[in-house]
Structure formats: C-alpha cells, structure tokens
Protein backbone atom coordinates (compact mmCIF):
# COMPACT_ATOMS: atom_id res chain seq x y z
CA MET A 1 16.09 29.77 -29.31
CA THR A 2 16.94 26.92 -31.61
CA LYS A 3 15.87 26.48 -35.29
CA THR A 4 16.93 23.03 -37.21
CA VAL A 5 17.37 23.57 -40.63
CA LYS A 6 18.13 19.88 -42.41
CA ASN A 7 17.86 21.08 -46.15
CA ASP A 8 21.47 20.70 -47.65
CA SER A 9 20.41 23.22 -50.50
CA LYS A 10 19.80 25.82 -48.02
CA ILE A 11 22.95 25.18 -45.78
CA ASN A 12 25.40 24.95 -48.75
CA SER A 13 23.96 28.43 -50.23
CA VAL A 14 24.53 30.19 -46.74
CA LEU A 15 28.21 28.63 -46.63
CA ASP A 16 28.73 29.63 -50.06
CA ARG A 17 27.60 33.75 -49.48
CA ILE A 18 29.96 34.14 -46.68
CA ASP A 19 32.68 32.17 -47.94
CA GLY A 20 35.05 34.81 -49.38
CA LEU A 21 34.18 37.47 -46.52
CA ASP A 22 37.01 40.12 -45.84
CA VAL A 23 38.13 39.17 -42.80
CA ARG A 24 41.03 40.19 -39.93
CA GLU A 25 41.88 39.14 -36.58
CA SER A 26 40.02 40.04 -33.52
CA LYS A 27 41.68 41.69 -30.99
CA GLN A 28 38.59 40.69 -28.50
CA ASP A 29 37.71 37.47 -26.94
CA LEU A 30 34.39 35.68 -28.75
CA MET A 31 32.96 36.39 -24.98
CA THR A 32 33.46 40.09 -25.06
CA MET A 33 32.24 40.73 -28.58
CA LEU A 34 28.79 38.41 -27.84
CA GLU A 35 28.00 40.05 -24.55
CA SER A 36 28.38 43.71 -26.47
CA ARG A 37 25.95 42.93 -28.53
CA ASP A 38 22.47 40.64 -29.82
CA SER A 39 24.38 37.59 -31.77
CA TYR A 40 23.46 34.55 -33.79
CA MET A 41 24.83 31.51 -33.62
CA PHE A 42 25.26 29.12 -37.13
CA SER A 43 26.24 25.73 -35.80
CA PHE A 44 26.76 22.63 -38.27
CA SER A 45 26.72 19.15 -37.48
CA GLU A 46 25.64 15.66 -39.02
CA ASN A 47 24.10 14.61 -36.32
CA GLN A 48 20.61 15.42 -35.45
CA ARG A 49 21.42 16.94 -32.13
CA LEU A 50 24.11 19.44 -31.20
CA GLU A 51 26.14 18.83 -28.40
CA THR A 52 28.36 21.52 -26.54
CA GLY A 53 31.77 21.10 -27.36
CA GLN A 54 31.43 18.55 -30.66
CA VAL A 55 29.98 21.14 -32.95
CA PRO A 56 32.42 20.54 -36.15
CA TYR A 57 31.91 23.89 -37.58
CA ALA A 58 30.30 27.15 -36.53
CA PHE A 59 30.02 30.93 -37.10
CA TYR A 60 28.28 33.53 -34.90
CA ILE A 61 26.78 37.08 -36.66
CA LEU A 62 26.22 40.23 -34.68
CA GLU A 63 22.99 42.23 -34.84
CA ASP A 64 25.45 44.79 -36.53
CA GLY A 65 26.21 42.24 -39.16
CA THR A 66 30.04 41.47 -38.10
CA PHE A 67 30.69 37.78 -39.13
CA ILE A 68 32.95 36.07 -36.07
CA PHE A 69 34.43 32.96 -37.39
CA THR A 70 35.75 30.57 -34.75
CA PHE A 71 37.27 27.73 -37.23
CA ASP A 72 39.65 27.88 -39.71
CA ASP A 73 38.11 24.79 -40.97
CA VAL A 74 35.54 21.78 -40.10
CA ASN A 75 37.29 20.33 -37.06
CA SER A 76 39.76 23.36 -36.81
CA VAL A 77 39.07 25.86 -33.94
CA ARG A 78 41.03 28.87 -34.24
CA GLU A 79 42.90 30.10 -31.19
CA LYS A 80 41.93 34.14 -31.84
CA PRO A 81 38.41 34.66 -33.57
CA LEU A 82 38.34 36.40 -37.26
CA ILE A 83 35.71 39.34 -37.66
CA THR A 84 34.53 41.06 -40.85
CA THR A 85 36.03 44.33 -41.81
CA GLU A 86 32.59 45.47 -42.57
CA ASN A 87 28.86 44.67 -41.15
CA HIS A 88 26.82 42.77 -43.58
CA LYS A 89 23.21 43.49 -42.22
CA GLU A 90 21.50 42.62 -45.57
CA LEU A 91 23.14 39.50 -45.68
CA LEU A 92 22.33 38.69 -42.13
CA LYS A 93 18.82 39.97 -43.49
CA ASP A 94 19.29 37.09 -46.07
CA ILE A 95 20.48 34.60 -44.62
CA LYS A 96 17.45 34.77 -41.62
CA ARG A 97 14.79 34.74 -44.40
CA ASP A 98 16.22 31.94 -46.34
CA LEU A 99 16.73 29.63 -43.68
CA GLU A 100 13.40 30.97 -41.84
CA VAL A 101 14.71 32.51 -38.58
CA THR A 102 12.10 34.72 -37.01
CA PHE A 103 13.71 35.82 -33.92
C-alpha cells in the first residue's frame, strides 16, 4: 500500500523526529531484516511519482519500532544499513498518526 504526503510541515516534522536516533551498523543485510517482520518504507522525492532506483532518501521502520536507515544523506546510499539500538514503537505510532497512515 502507498500513501502520498505533500505537506512539507508534516514531512519536516517526521525528519526532525528521527534525527539523532541512536544507531549502529547492522550485521544483517536489509532484505533479511525486512523479510523477518512487517515494515513501513518512508520514501522522499521531489517528483510526484516515486520511481524504483531513483529515490533520493528513504528509511524503513519495522513493526516492532526498529528504524533502518539505508542512506547517509540525500542521494547517498549506505553500503551497510544502520539500525536503531532501541525500538521506538511509540515514535512509529506517532509518525503513522501524524501522516494519517492507517495500514
């Protein structure tokens, strides 16, 4: 399922909230982590339409509140993903509420 959010204030609020989360480099590859649990992908693009392989920034959140970062910065993909050292289930819940994600 996909939901598009165009409200810059909401987008900036999400990015501000995740900035500074304590992370470590993952020993697992991204696909292994995503296959193990339900997850959300948050992609950011200036284009109306997201095209595979052309997303300038994205991150994932597992259902248990683990954040996975695959980018160092805009247009800078990491070789190994970073994951949060703690689960942030409440933060996931707040982000979903603020962006009106109901799935």
